[in-house]
């Protein structure tokens, strides 16, 4: 079996409503994961692109989040309406959807302007 060209990881983490940080999958339906799998299959990418569920990607303030490897492109604020564009632009044409790409300064850092400050 050939290696996948890309792996798409979709955060499906659920937090309690009273948690200090938001949840990427508040309704528990994993809708983005399902929609991405369907769109990848419809685009004829099955076998070359793998869509996986992921636990917390630690970018809660930017969620819902997905990350695509080996490109190391992190997307935030992804909604169902963005799925077709991500598949067509990034997974088919190789062009990340810039309006959804998380700034490098926000990825895995304590100083992101979107993360609550620790007191």
PDB file of N, CA and C in Angstrom:
ATOM      1  N   UNK A   1       0.844  -1.188   0.000  1.00  0.00           N
ATOM      2  CA  UNK A   1       0.000   0.000   0.000  1.00  0.00           C
ATOM      3  C   UNK A   1       0.885   1.247   0.000  1.00  0.00           C
ATOM      4  N   UNK A   2       0.589   2.174  -0.860  1.00  0.00           N
ATOM      5  CA  UNK A   2       1.342   3.422  -0.944  1.00  0.00           C
ATOM      6  C   UNK A   2       1.085   4.291   0.287  1.00  0.00           C
ATOM      7  N   UNK A   3       2.059   5.133   0.595  1.00  0.00           N
ATOM      8  CA  UNK A   3       1.897   6.068   1.708  1.00  0.00           C
ATOM      9  C   UNK A   3       0.900   7.145   1.322  1.00  0.00           C
ATOM     10  N   UNK A   4       0.228   7.683   2.330  1.00  0.00           N
ATOM     11  CA  UNK A   4      -0.671   8.805   2.088  1.00  0.00           C
ATOM     12  C   UNK A   4       0.149  10.040   1.746  1.00  0.00           C
ATOM     13  N   UNK A   5      -0.340  10.839   0.816  1.00  0.00           N
ATOM     14  CA  UNK A   5       0.319  12.090   0.475  1.00  0.00           C
ATOM     15  C   UNK A   5       0.097  13.132   1.566  1.00  0.00           C
ATOM     16  N   UNK A   6      -1.098  13.104   2.146  1.00  0.00           N
ATOM     17  CA  UNK A   6      -1.421  14.058   3.212  1.00  0.00           C
ATOM     18  C   UNK A   6      -2.277  13.371   4.270  1.00  0.00           C
ATOM     19  N   UNK A   7      -2.106  13.859   5.485  1.00  0.00           N
ATOM     20  CA  UNK A   7      -2.934  13.449   6.614  1.00  0.00           C
ATOM     21  C   UNK A   7      -3.648  14.685   7.127  1.00  0.00           C
ATOM     22  N   UNK A   8      -4.945  14.584   7.302  1.00  0.00           N
ATOM     23  CA  UNK A   8      -5.758  15.672   7.845  1.00  0.00           C
ATOM     24  C   UNK A   8      -6.212  15.240   9.234  1.00  0.00           C
ATOM     25  N   UNK A   9      -5.858  16.022  10.236  1.00  0.00           N
ATOM     26  CA  UNK A   9      -6.269  15.734  11.605  1.00  0.00           C
ATOM     27  C   UNK A   9      -7.311  16.759  12.022  1.00  0.00           C
ATOM     28  N   UNK A  10      -8.455  16.258  12.453  1.00  0.00           N
ATOM     29  CA  UNK A  10      -9.592  17.101  12.823  1.00  0.00           C
ATOM     30  C   UNK A  10      -9.808  16.975  14.328  1.00  0.00           C
ATOM     31  N   UNK A  11      -9.684  18.091  15.035  1.00  0.00           N
ATOM     32  CA  UNK A  11      -9.913  18.050  16.478  1.00  0.00           C
ATOM     33  C   UNK A  11     -11.391  17.769  16.751  1.00  0.00           C
ATOM     34  N   UNK A  12     -11.633  16.737  17.536  1.00  0.00           N
ATOM     35  CA  UNK A  12     -13.011  16.416  17.930  1.00  0.00           C
ATOM     36  C   UNK A  12     -13.155  16.480  19.450  1.00  0.00           C
ATOM     37  N   UNK A  13     -12.224  17.176  20.090  1.00  0.00           N
ATOM     38  CA  UNK A  13     -12.233  17.256  21.543  1.00  0.00           C
ATOM     39  C   UNK A  13     -13.490  17.957  22.061  1.00  0.00           C
ATOM     40  N   UNK A  14     -14.036  17.410  23.116  1.00  0.00           N
ATOM     41  CA  UNK A  14     -15.195  17.999  23.788  1.00  0.00           C
ATOM     42  C   UNK A  14     -14.801  18.356  25.211  1.00  0.00           C
ATOM     43  N   UNK A  15     -15.083  19.572  25.583  1.00  0.00           N
ATOM     44  CA  UNK A  15     -14.856  20.028  26.960  1.00  0.00           C
ATOM     45  C   UNK A  15     -16.215  20.265  27.614  1.00  0.00           C
ATOM     46  N   UNK A  16     -16.192  20.266  28.911  1.00  0.00           N
ATOM     47  CA  UNK A  16     -17.398  20.597  29.661  1.00  0.00           C
ATOM     48  C   UNK A  16     -17.759  22.051  29.380  1.00  0.00           C
ATOM     49  N   UNK A  17     -19.059  22.373  29.359  1.00  0.00           N
ATOM     50  CA  UNK A  17     -19.473  23.761  29.064  1.00  0.00           C
ATOM     51  C   UNK A  17     -18.833  24.806  29.971  1.00  0.00           C
ATOM     52  N   UNK A  18     -18.525  24.447  31.204  1.00  0.00           N
ATOM     53  CA  UNK A  18     -17.953  25.416  32.145  1.00  0.00           C
ATOM     54  C   UNK A  18     -16.418  25.461  32.095  1.00  0.00           C
ATOM     55  N   UNK A  19     -15.813  24.778  31.160  1.00  0.00           N
ATOM     56  CA  UNK A  19     -14.352  24.762  31.043  1.00  0.00           C
ATOM     57  C   UNK A  19     -13.806  26.150  30.730  1.00  0.00           C
ATOM     58  N   UNK A  20     -12.568  26.381  31.140  1.00  0.00           N
ATOM     59  CA  UNK A  20     -11.914  27.663  30.910  1.00  0.00           C
ATOM     60  C   UNK A  20     -11.589  27.896  29.437  1.00  0.00           C
ATOM     61  N   UNK A  21     -11.444  26.824  28.683  1.00  0.00           N
ATOM     62  CA  UNK A  21     -11.136  26.933  27.252  1.00  0.00           C
ATOM     63  C   UNK A  21     -12.288  26.352  26.445  1.00  0.00           C
ATOM     64  N   UNK A  22     -12.500  26.855  25.230  1.00  0.00           N
ATOM     65  CA  UNK A  22     -13.609  26.372  24.408  1.00  0.00           C
ATOM     66  C   UNK A  22     -13.363  24.966  23.863  1.00  0.00           C
ATOM     67  N   UNK A  23     -14.386  24.393  23.281  1.00  0.00           N
ATOM     68  CA  UNK A  23     -14.344  23.046  22.731  1.00  0.00           C
ATOM     69  C   UNK A  23     -14.471  23.098  21.212  1.00  0.00           C
ATOM     70  N   UNK A  24     -13.650  22.319  20.521  1.00  0.00           N
ATOM     71  CA  UNK A  24     -13.736  22.268  19.054  1.00  0.00           C
ATOM     72  C   UNK A  24     -14.959  21.494  18.583  1.00  0.00           C
ATOM     73  N   UNK A  25     -15.478  20.634  19.431  1.00  0.00           N
ATOM     74  CA  UNK A  25     -16.572  19.758  19.044  1.00  0.00           C
ATOM     75  C   UNK A  25     -17.675  19.825  20.101  1.00  0.00           C
ATOM     76  N   UNK A  26     -18.169  21.015  20.316  1.00  0.00           N
ATOM     77  CA  UNK A  26     -19.120  21.244  21.406  1.00  0.00           C
ATOM     78  C   UNK A  26     -20.380  20.394  21.308  1.00  0.00           C
ATOM     79  N   UNK A  27     -20.839  20.114  20.083  1.00  0.00           N
ATOM     80  CA  UNK A  27     -22.084  19.361  19.947  1.00  0.00           C
ATOM     81  C   UNK A  27     -21.874  17.846  19.930  1.00  0.00           C
ATOM     82  N   UNK A  28     -20.605  17.402  19.899  1.00  0.00           N
ATOM     83  CA  UNK A  28     -20.311  15.975  19.954  1.00  0.00           C
ATOM     84  C   UNK A  28     -20.591  15.212  18.679  1.00  0.00           C
ATOM     85  N   UNK A  29     -20.864  15.894  17.570  1.00  0.00           N
ATOM     86  CA  UNK A  29     -21.244  15.211  16.334  1.00  0.00           C
ATOM     87  C   UNK A  29     -20.085  14.949  15.380  1.00  0.00           C
ATOM     88  N   UNK A  30     -18.928  15.531  15.618  1.00  0.00           N
ATOM     89  CA  UNK A  30     -17.768  15.371  14.741  1.00  0.00           C
ATOM     90  C   UNK A  30     -18.115  15.690  13.297  1.00  0.00           C
ATOM     91  N   UNK A  31     -18.929  16.709  13.096  1.00  0.00           N
ATOM     92  CA  UNK A  31     -19.417  17.057  11.763  1.00  0.00           C
ATOM     93  C   UNK A  31     -18.283  17.361  10.786  1.00  0.00           C
ATOM     94  N   UNK A  32     -17.286  18.120  11.205  1.00  0.00           N
ATOM     95  CA  UNK A  32     -16.187  18.454  10.297  1.00  0.00           C
ATOM     96  C   UNK A  32     -15.458  17.211   9.818  1.00  0.00           C
ATOM     97  N   UNK A  33     -15.227  16.287  10.710  1.00  0.00           N
ATOM     98  CA  UNK A  33     -14.547  15.041  10.337  1.00  0.00           C
ATOM     99  C   UNK A  33     -15.345  14.312   9.269  1.00  0.00           C
ATOM    100  N   UNK A  34     -16.621  14.131   9.500  1.00  0.00           N
ATOM    101  CA  UNK A  34     -17.469  13.423   8.536  1.00  0.00           C
ATOM    102  C   UNK A  34     -17.526  14.139   7.197  1.00  0.00           C
ATOM    103  N   UNK A  35     -17.694  15.454   7.231  1.00  0.00           N
ATOM    104  CA  UNK A  35     -17.768  16.228   5.986  1.00  0.00           C
ATOM    105  C   UNK A  35     -16.456  16.181   5.214  1.00  0.00           C
ATOM    106  N   UNK A  36     -15.343  16.270   5.911  1.00  0.00           N
ATOM    107  CA  UNK A  36     -14.046  16.195   5.238  1.00  0.00           C
ATOM    108  C   UNK A  36     -13.828  14.831   4.603  1.00  0.00           C
ATOM    109  N   UNK A  37     -14.181  13.769   5.302  1.00  0.00           N
ATOM    110  CA  UNK A  37     -14.052  12.426   4.725  1.00  0.00           C
ATOM    111  C   UNK A  37     -14.883  12.306   3.450  1.00  0.00           C
ATOM    112  N   UNK A  38     -16.113  12.781   3.498  1.00  0.00           N
ATOM    113  CA  UNK A  38     -16.986  12.710   2.323  1.00  0.00           C
ATOM    114  C   UNK A  38     -16.427  13.534   1.163  1.00  0.00           C
ATOM    115  N   UNK A  39     -15.941  14.732   1.455  1.00  0.00           N
ATOM    116  CA  UNK A  39     -15.418  15.613   0.410  1.00  0.00           C
ATOM    117  C   UNK A  39     -14.127  15.052  -0.193  1.00  0.00           C
ATOM    118  N   UNK A  40     -13.283  14.450   0.624  1.00  0.00           N
ATOM    119  CA  UNK A  40     -12.057  13.821   0.127  1.00  0.00           C
ATOM    120  C   UNK A  40     -12.413  12.669  -0.809  1.00  0.00           C
ATOM    121  N   UNK A  41     -13.358  11.856  -0.403  1.00  0.00           N
ATOM    122  CA  UNK A  41     -13.796  10.744  -1.260  1.00  0.00           C
ATOM    123  C   UNK A  41     -14.390  11.256  -2.572  1.00  0.00           C
ATOM    124  N   UNK A  42     -15.244  12.284  -2.491  1.00  0.00           N
ATOM    125  CA  UNK A  42     -15.893  12.843  -3.679  1.00  0.00           C
ATOM    126  C   UNK A  42     -14.872  13.462  -4.636  1.00  0.00           C
ATOM    127  N   UNK A  43     -13.761  13.957  -4.107  1.00  0.00           N
ATOM    128  CA  UNK A  43     -12.720  14.570  -4.937  1.00  0.00           C
ATOM    129  C   UNK A  43     -11.778  13.524  -5.535  1.00  0.00           C
ATOM    130  N   UNK A  44     -12.032  12.254  -5.245  1.00  0.00           N
ATOM    131  CA  UNK A  44     -11.195  11.187  -5.778  1.00  0.00           C
ATOM    132  C   UNK A  44      -9.853  11.048  -5.075  1.00  0.00           C
ATOM    133  N   UNK A  45      -9.782  11.502  -3.835  1.00  0.00           N
ATOM    134  CA  UNK A  45      -8.528  11.482  -3.090  1.00  0.00           C
ATOM    135  C   UNK A  45      -8.404  10.314  -2.121  1.00  0.00           C
ATOM    136  N   UNK A  46      -9.410   9.461  -2.087  1.00  0.00           N
ATOM    137  CA  UNK A  46      -9.358   8.318  -1.172  1.00  0.00           C
ATOM    138  C   UNK A  46      -8.124   7.474  -1.520  1.00  0.00           C
ATOM    139  N   UNK A  47      -7.343   7.170  -0.500  1.00  0.00           N
ATOM    140  CA  UNK A  47      -6.121   6.408  -0.708  1.00  0.00           C
ATOM    141  C   UNK A  47      -4.882   7.292  -0.746  1.00  0.00           C
ATOM    142  N   UNK A  48      -5.041   8.574  -1.089  1.00  0.00           N
ATOM    143  CA  UNK A  48      -3.888   9.471  -1.082  1.00  0.00           C
ATOM    144  C   UNK A  48      -3.986  10.506   0.042  1.00  0.00           C
ATOM    145  N   UNK A  49      -5.204  10.733   0.553  1.00  0.00           N
ATOM    146  CA  UNK A  49      -5.415  11.647   1.678  1.00  0.00           C
ATOM    147  C   UNK A  49      -6.183  10.888   2.749  1.00  0.00           C
ATOM    148  N   UNK A  50      -5.685  10.941   3.955  1.00  0.00           N
ATOM    149  CA  UNK A  50      -6.322  10.283   5.098  1.00  0.00           C
ATOM    150  C   UNK A  50      -6.867  11.346   6.035  1.00  0.00           C
ATOM    151  N   UNK A  51      -8.125  11.216   6.434  1.00  0.00           N
ATOM    152  CA  UNK A  51      -8.749  12.143   7.385  1.00  0.00           C
ATOM    153  C   UNK A  51      -8.933  11.395   8.700  1.00  0.00           C
ATOM    154  N   UNK A  52      -8.299  11.897   9.751  1.00  0.00           N
ATOM    155  CA  UNK A  52      -8.349  11.261  11.057  1.00  0.00           C
ATOM    156  C   UNK A  52      -8.965  12.174  12.101  1.00  0.00           C
ATOM    157  N   UNK A  53      -9.603  11.567  13.075  1.00  0.00           N
ATOM    158  CA  UNK A  53     -10.053  12.289  14.259  1.00  0.00           C
ATOM    159  C   UNK A  53      -8.840  12.490  15.158  1.00  0.00           C
ATOM    160  N   UNK A  54      -8.791  13.640  15.798  1.00  0.00           N
ATOM    161  CA  UNK A  54      -7.699  13.917  16.731  1.00  0.00           C
ATOM    162  C   UNK A  54      -8.280  14.400  18.041  1.00  0.00           C
ATOM    163  N   UNK A  55      -7.565  14.114  19.107  1.00  0.00           N
ATOM    164  CA  UNK A  55      -7.901  14.702  20.391  1.00  0.00           C
ATOM    165  C   UNK A  55      -7.479  16.160  20.368  1.00  0.00           C
ATOM    166  N   UNK A  56      -7.390  16.762  21.514  1.00  0.00           N
ATOM    167  CA  UNK A  56      -7.067  18.178  21.610  1.00  0.00           C
ATOM    168  C   UNK A  56      -5.754  18.504  20.908  1.00  0.00           C
ATOM    169  N   UNK A  57      -5.795  19.500  20.031  1.00  0.00           N
ATOM    170  CA  UNK A  57      -4.606  19.988  19.332  1.00  0.00           C
ATOM    171  C   UNK A  57      -4.010  21.197  20.056  1.00  0.00           C
ATOM    172  N   UNK A  58      -4.578  21.547  21.190  1.00  0.00           N
ATOM    173  CA  UNK A  58      -4.121  22.637  22.061  1.00  0.00           C
ATOM    174  C   UNK A  58      -4.177  24.009  21.388  1.00  0.00           C
ATOM    175  N   UNK A  59      -5.160  24.177  20.541  1.00  0.00           N
ATOM    176  CA  UNK A  59      -5.404  25.473  19.900  1.00  0.00           C
ATOM    177  C   UNK A  59      -6.866  25.863  20.131  1.00  0.00           C
ATOM    178  N   UNK A  60      -7.365  25.569  21.292  1.00  0.00           N
ATOM    179  CA  UNK A  60      -8.783  25.682  21.631  1.00  0.00           C
ATOM    180  C   UNK A  60      -9.384  27.053  21.314  1.00  0.00           C
ATOM    181  N   UNK A  61      -8.620  28.101  21.542  1.00  0.00           N
ATOM    182  CA  UNK A  61      -9.135  29.455  21.308  1.00  0.00           C
ATOM    183  C   UNK A  61      -9.353  29.755  19.830  1.00  0.00           C
ATOM    184  N   UNK A  62      -8.824  28.906  18.968  1.00  0.00           N
ATOM    185  CA  UNK A  62      -8.945  29.113  17.525  1.00  0.00           C
ATOM    186  C   UNK A  62      -9.905  28.137  16.864  1.00  0.00           C
ATOM    187  N   UNK A  63     -10.536  27.286  17.635  1.00  0.00           N
ATOM    188  CA  UNK A  63     -11.302  26.178  17.087  1.00  0.00           C
ATOM    189  C   UNK A  63     -12.585  26.559  16.398  1.00  0.00           C
ATOM    190  N   UNK A  64     -13.132  25.612  15.712  1.00  0.00           N
ATOM    191  CA  UNK A  64     -12.633  24.267  15.452  1.00  0.00           C
ATOM    192  C   UNK A  64     -11.354  24.288  14.600  1.00  0.00           C
ATOM    193  N   UNK A  65     -10.476  23.329  14.895  1.00  0.00           N
ATOM    194  CA  UNK A  65      -9.156  23.282  14.281  1.00  0.00           C
ATOM    195  C   UNK A  65      -8.946  22.016  13.477  1.00  0.00           C
ATOM    196  N   UNK A  66      -8.162  22.173  12.402  1.00  0.00           N
ATOM    197  CA  UNK A  66      -7.639  21.012  11.693  1.00  0.00           C
ATOM    198  C   UNK A  66      -6.190  21.326  11.348  1.00  0.00           C
ATOM    199  N   UNK A  67      -5.392  20.285  11.171  1.00  0.00           N
ATOM    200  CA  UNK A  67      -4.004  20.450  10.736  1.00  0.00           C
ATOM    201  C   UNK A  67      -3.752  19.434   9.632  1.00  0.00           C
ATOM    202  N   UNK A  68      -3.013  19.869   8.620  1.00  0.00           N
ATOM    203  CA  UNK A  68      -2.729  19.004   7.480  1.00  0.00           C
ATOM    204  C   UNK A  68      -1.221  18.795   7.401  1.00  0.00           C
ATOM    205  N   UNK A  69      -0.832  17.515   7.432  1.00  0.00           N
ATOM    206  CA  UNK A  69       0.573  17.125   7.306  1.00  0.00           C
ATOM    207  C   UNK A  69       0.759  16.335   6.022  1.00  0.00           C
ATOM    208  N   UNK A  70       1.933  16.398   5.404  1.00  0.00           N
ATOM    209  CA  UNK A  70       3.189  16.919   5.921  1.00  0.00           C
ATOM    210  C   UNK A  70       3.342  18.423   5.751  1.00  0.00           C
ATOM    211  N   UNK A  71       2.325  19.103   5.273  1.00  0.00           N
ATOM    212  CA  UNK A  71       2.414  20.538   5.005  1.00  0.00           C
ATOM    213  C   UNK A  71       2.531  21.368   6.281  1.00  0.00           C
ATOM    214  N   UNK A  72       2.122  20.816   7.414  1.00  0.00           N
ATOM    215  CA  UNK A  72       2.133  21.530   8.701  1.00  0.00           C
ATOM    216  C   UNK A  72       1.339  22.825   8.611  1.00  0.00           C
ATOM    217  N   UNK A  73       0.189  22.747   7.964  1.00  0.00           N
ATOM    218  CA  UNK A  73      -0.710  23.900   7.860  1.00  0.00           C
ATOM    219  C   UNK A  73      -1.808  23.717   8.897  1.00  0.00           C
ATOM    220  N   UNK A  74      -1.932  24.709   9.769  1.00  0.00           N
ATOM    221  CA  UNK A  74      -2.917  24.706  10.838  1.00  0.00           C
ATOM    222  C   UNK A  74      -4.055  25.641  10.455  1.00  0.00           C
ATOM    223  N   UNK A  75      -5.271  25.122  10.488  1.00  0.00           N
ATOM    224  CA  UNK A  75      -6.453  25.923  10.202  1.00  0.00           C
ATOM    225  C   UNK A  75      -7.256  26.106  11.478  1.00  0.00           C
ATOM    226  N   UNK A  76      -7.799  27.304  11.660  1.00  0.00           N
ATOM    227  CA  UNK A  76      -8.639  27.593  12.805  1.00  0.00           C
ATOM    228  C   UNK A  76      -9.951  28.219  12.378  1.00  0.00           C
ATOM    229  N   UNK A  77     -10.932  28.095  13.238  1.00  0.00           N
ATOM    230  CA  UNK A  77     -12.251  28.646  12.952  1.00  0.00           C
ATOM    231  C   UNK A  77     -12.921  27.980  11.774  1.00  0.00           C
ATOM    232  N   UNK A  78     -12.619  26.722  11.564  1.00  0.00           N
ATOM    233  CA  UNK A  78     -13.158  25.994  10.414  1.00  0.00           C
ATOM    234  C   UNK A  78     -14.615  25.635  10.669  1.00  0.00           C
ATOM    235  N   UNK A  79     -15.442  25.857   9.658  1.00  0.00           N
ATOM    236  CA  UNK A  79     -16.854  25.476   9.757  1.00  0.00           C
ATOM    237  C   UNK A  79     -17.213  24.621   8.543  1.00  0.00           C
ATOM    238  N   UNK A  80     -18.390  24.057   8.568  1.00  0.00           N
ATOM    239  CA  UNK A  80     -18.836  23.163   7.497  1.00  0.00           C
ATOM    240  C   UNK A  80     -18.739  23.831   6.127  1.00  0.00           C
ATOM    241  N   UNK A  81     -19.024  25.117   6.057  1.00  0.00           N
ATOM    242  CA  UNK A  81     -18.989  25.832   4.775  1.00  0.00           C
ATOM    243  C   UNK A  81     -17.576  25.949   4.210  1.00  0.00           C
ATOM    244  N   UNK A  82     -16.542  25.701   5.014  1.00  0.00           N
ATOM    245  CA  UNK A  82     -15.153  25.806   4.565  1.00  0.00           C
ATOM    246  C   UNK A  82     -14.608  24.505   3.977  1.00  0.00           C
ATOM    247  N   UNK A  83     -15.286  23.409   4.193  1.00  0.00           N
ATOM    248  CA  UNK A  83     -14.765  22.093   3.819  1.00  0.00           C
ATOM    249  C   UNK A  83     -14.476  21.990   2.325  1.00  0.00           C
ATOM    250  N   UNK A  84     -15.408  22.363   1.484  1.00  0.00           N
ATOM    251  CA  UNK A  84     -15.209  22.239   0.034  1.00  0.00           C
ATOM    252  C   UNK A  84     -14.011  23.060  -0.430  1.00  0.00           C
ATOM    253  N   UNK A  85     -13.843  24.255   0.143  1.00  0.00           N
ATOM    254  CA  UNK A  85     -12.719  25.108  -0.241  1.00  0.00           C
ATOM    255  C   UNK A  85     -11.387  24.502   0.204  1.00  0.00           C
ATOM    256  N   UNK A  86     -11.336  23.951   1.396  1.00  0.00           N
ATOM    257  CA  UNK A  86     -10.107  23.322   1.882  1.00  0.00           C
ATOM    258  C   UNK A  86      -9.732  22.145   0.989  1.00  0.00           C
ATOM    259  N   UNK A  87     -10.700  21.339   0.637  1.00  0.00           N
ATOM    260  CA  UNK A  87     -10.416  20.175  -0.209  1.00  0.00           C
ATOM    261  C   UNK A  87      -9.971  20.622  -1.596  1.00  0.00           C
ATOM    262  N   UNK A  88     -10.724  21.506  -2.233  1.00  0.00           N
ATOM    263  CA  UNK A  88     -10.395  21.935  -3.599  1.00  0.00           C
ATOM    264  C   UNK A  88      -9.083  22.713  -3.653  1.00  0.00           C
ATOM    265  N   UNK A  89      -8.904  23.655  -2.744  1.00  0.00           N
ATOM    266  CA  UNK A  89      -7.728  24.517  -2.800  1.00  0.00           C
ATOM    267  C   UNK A  89      -6.481  23.826  -2.255  1.00  0.00           C
ATOM    268  N   UNK A  90      -6.581  23.273  -1.063  1.00  0.00           N
ATOM    269  CA  UNK A  90      -5.387  22.721  -0.423  1.00  0.00           C
ATOM    270  C   UNK A  90      -5.109  21.282  -0.845  1.00  0.00           C
ATOM    271  N   UNK A  91      -6.094  20.412  -0.690  1.00  0.00           N
ATOM    272  CA  UNK A  91      -5.833  18.991  -0.919  1.00  0.00           C
ATOM    273  C   UNK A  91      -5.744  18.628  -2.395  1.00  0.00           C
ATOM    274  N   UNK A  92      -6.454  19.338  -3.253  1.00  0.00           N
ATOM    275  CA  UNK A  92      -6.385  19.059  -4.692  1.00  0.00           C
ATOM    276  C   UNK A  92      -5.312  19.923  -5.357  1.00  0.00           C
ATOM    277  N   UNK A  93      -5.372  21.232  -5.149  1.00  0.00           N
ATOM    278  CA  UNK A  93      -4.486  22.164  -5.863  1.00  0.00           C
ATOM    279  C   UNK A  93      -3.196  22.510  -5.111  1.00  0.00           C
ATOM    280  N   UNK A  94      -3.096  22.127  -3.835  1.00  0.00           N
ATOM    281  CA  UNK A  94      -1.876  22.384  -3.086  1.00  0.00           C
ATOM    282  C   UNK A  94      -1.708  23.804  -2.573  1.00  0.00           C
ATOM    283  N   UNK A  95      -2.811  24.581  -2.563  1.00  0.00           N
ATOM    284  CA  UNK A  95      -2.763  25.966  -2.085  1.00  0.00           C
ATOM    285  C   UNK A  95      -3.561  26.092  -0.796  1.00  0.00           C
ATOM    286  N   UNK A  96      -2.892  26.353   0.338  1.00  0.00           N
ATOM    287  CA  UNK A  96      -3.627  26.524   1.593  1.00  0.00           C
ATOM    288  C   UNK A  96      -4.652  27.655   1.493  1.00  0.00           C
ATOM    289  N   UNK A  97      -5.708  27.530   2.251  1.00  0.00           N
ATOM    290  CA  UNK A  97      -6.745  28.562   2.319  1.00  0.00           C
ATOM    291  C   UNK A  97      -6.278  29.592   3.335  1.00  0.00           C
ATOM    292  N   UNK A  98      -5.643  30.646   2.845  1.00  0.00           N
ATOM    293  CA  UNK A  98      -4.957  31.613   3.705  1.00  0.00           C
ATOM    294  C   UNK A  98      -5.856  32.247   4.760  1.00  0.00           C
ATOM    295  N   UNK A  99      -7.110  32.496   4.441  1.00  0.00           N
ATOM    296  CA  UNK A  99      -7.982  33.170   5.405  1.00  0.00           C
ATOM    297  C   UNK A  99      -8.244  32.319   6.649  1.00  0.00           C
ATOM    298  N   UNK A 100      -7.979  31.017   6.564  1.00  0.00           N
ATOM    299  CA  UNK A 100      -8.202  30.115   7.693  1.00  0.00           C
ATOM    300  C   UNK A 100      -6.911  29.681   8.384  1.00  0.00           C
ATOM    301  N   UNK A 101      -5.767  29.990   7.792  1.00  0.00           N
ATOM    302  CA  UNK A 101      -4.489  29.547   8.349  1.00  0.00           C
ATOM    303  C   UNK A 101      -4.199  30.303   9.640  1.00  0.00           C
ATOM    304  N   UNK A 102      -3.850  29.553  10.674  1.00  0.00           N
ATOM    305  CA  UNK A 102      -3.480  30.166  11.951  1.00  0.00           C
ATOM    306  C   UNK A 102      -2.103  30.809  11.829  1.00  0.00           C
ATOM    307  N   UNK A 103      -1.939  31.997  12.399  1.00  0.00           N
ATOM    308  CA  UNK A 103      -0.622  32.637  12.387  1.00  0.00           C
ATOM    309  C   UNK A 103       0.391  31.795  13.169  1.00  0.00           C
ATOM    310  N   UNK A 104       1.618  31.749  12.677  1.00  0.00           N
ATOM    311  CA  UNK A 104       2.664  31.003  13.383  1.00  0.00           C
ATOM    312  C   UNK A 104       2.794  31.457  14.827  1.00  0.00           C
ATOM    313  N   UNK A 105       2.576  32.741  15.075  1.00  0.00           N
ATOM    314  CA  UNK A 105       2.713  33.290  16.430  1.00  0.00           C
ATOM    315  C   UNK A 105       1.670  32.726  17.397  1.00  0.00           C
ATOM    316  N   UNK A 106       0.647  32.083  16.883  1.00  0.00           N
ATOM    317  CA  UNK A 106      -0.411  31.537  17.739  1.00  0.00           C
ATOM    318  C   UNK A 106      -0.262  30.040  18.003  1.00  0.00           C
ATOM    319  N   UNK A 107       0.538  29.368  17.220  1.00  0.00           N
ATOM    320  CA  UNK A 107       0.604  27.909  17.316  1.00  0.00           C
ATOM    321  C   UNK A 107       1.557  27.488  18.421  1.00  0.00           C
ATOM    322  N   UNK A 108       1.004  26.811  19.409  1.00  0.00           N
ATOM    323  CA  UNK A 108       1.759  26.249  20.537  1.00  0.00           C
ATOM    324  C   UNK A 108       2.644  27.273  21.227  1.00  0.00           C
ATOM    325  N   UNK A 109       2.047  28.368  21.585  1.00  0.00           N
ATOM    326  CA  UNK A 109       2.773  29.416  22.296  1.00  0.00           C
ATOM    327  C   UNK A 109       1.925  29.929  23.446  1.00  0.00           C
ATOM    328  N   UNK A 110       2.560  30.369  24.477  1.00  0.00           N
ATOM    329  CA  UNK A 110       1.862  30.918  25.639  1.00  0.00           C
ATOM    330  C   UNK A 110       1.461  32.374  25.436  1.00  0.00           C
ATOM    331  N   UNK A 111       1.986  33.029  24.415  1.00  0.00           N
ATOM    332  CA  UNK A 111       1.767  34.461  24.252  1.00  0.00           C
ATOM    333  C   UNK A 111       0.772  34.808  23.150  1.00  0.00           C
ATOM    334  N   UNK A 112       0.058  33.864  22.645  1.00  0.00           N
ATOM    335  CA  UNK A 112      -0.932  34.122  21.599  1.00  0.00           C
ATOM    336  C   UNK A 112      -1.964  35.129  22.110  1.00  0.00           C
ATOM    337  N   UNK A 113      -2.259  36.110  21.279  1.00  0.00           N
ATOM    338  CA  UNK A 113      -3.219  37.150  21.675  1.00  0.00           C
ATOM    339  C   UNK A 113      -4.625  36.596  21.935  1.00  0.00           C
ATOM    340  N   UNK A 114      -4.907  35.402  21.462  1.00  0.00           N
ATOM    341  CA  UNK A 114      -6.243  34.822  21.620  1.00  0.00           C
ATOM    342  C   UNK A 114      -6.372  33.965  22.875  1.00  0.00           C
ATOM    343  N   UNK A 115      -5.264  33.609  23.474  1.00  0.00           N
ATOM    344  CA  UNK A 115      -5.264  32.737  24.647  1.00  0.00           C
ATOM    345  C   UNK A 115      -5.419  33.575  25.912  1.00  0.00           C
ATOM    346  N   UNK A 116      -6.290  33.157  26.809  1.00  0.00           N
ATOM    347  CA  UNK A 116      -6.457  33.925  28.059  1.00  0.00           C
ATOM    348  C   UNK A 116      -5.119  33.995  28.810  1.00  0.00           C
ATOM    349  N   UNK A 117      -4.869  35.134  29.388  1.00  0.00           N
ATOM    350  CA  UNK A 117      -3.630  35.335  30.135  1.00  0.00           C
ATOM    351  C   UNK A 117      -3.754  34.659  31.507  1.00  0.00           C
ATOM    352  N   UNK A 118      -2.676  34.002  31.901  1.00  0.00           N
ATOM    353  CA  UNK A 118      -2.640  33.393  33.224  1.00  0.00           C
ATOM    354  C   UNK A 118      -2.347  34.476  34.248  1.00  0.00           C
ATOM    355  N   UNK A 119      -3.067  34.424  35.360  1.00  0.00           N
ATOM    356  CA  UNK A 119      -2.845  35.430  36.404  1.00  0.00           C
ATOM    357  C   UNK A 119      -2.207  34.821  37.618  1.00  0.00           C
TER     358      UNK A 119
END
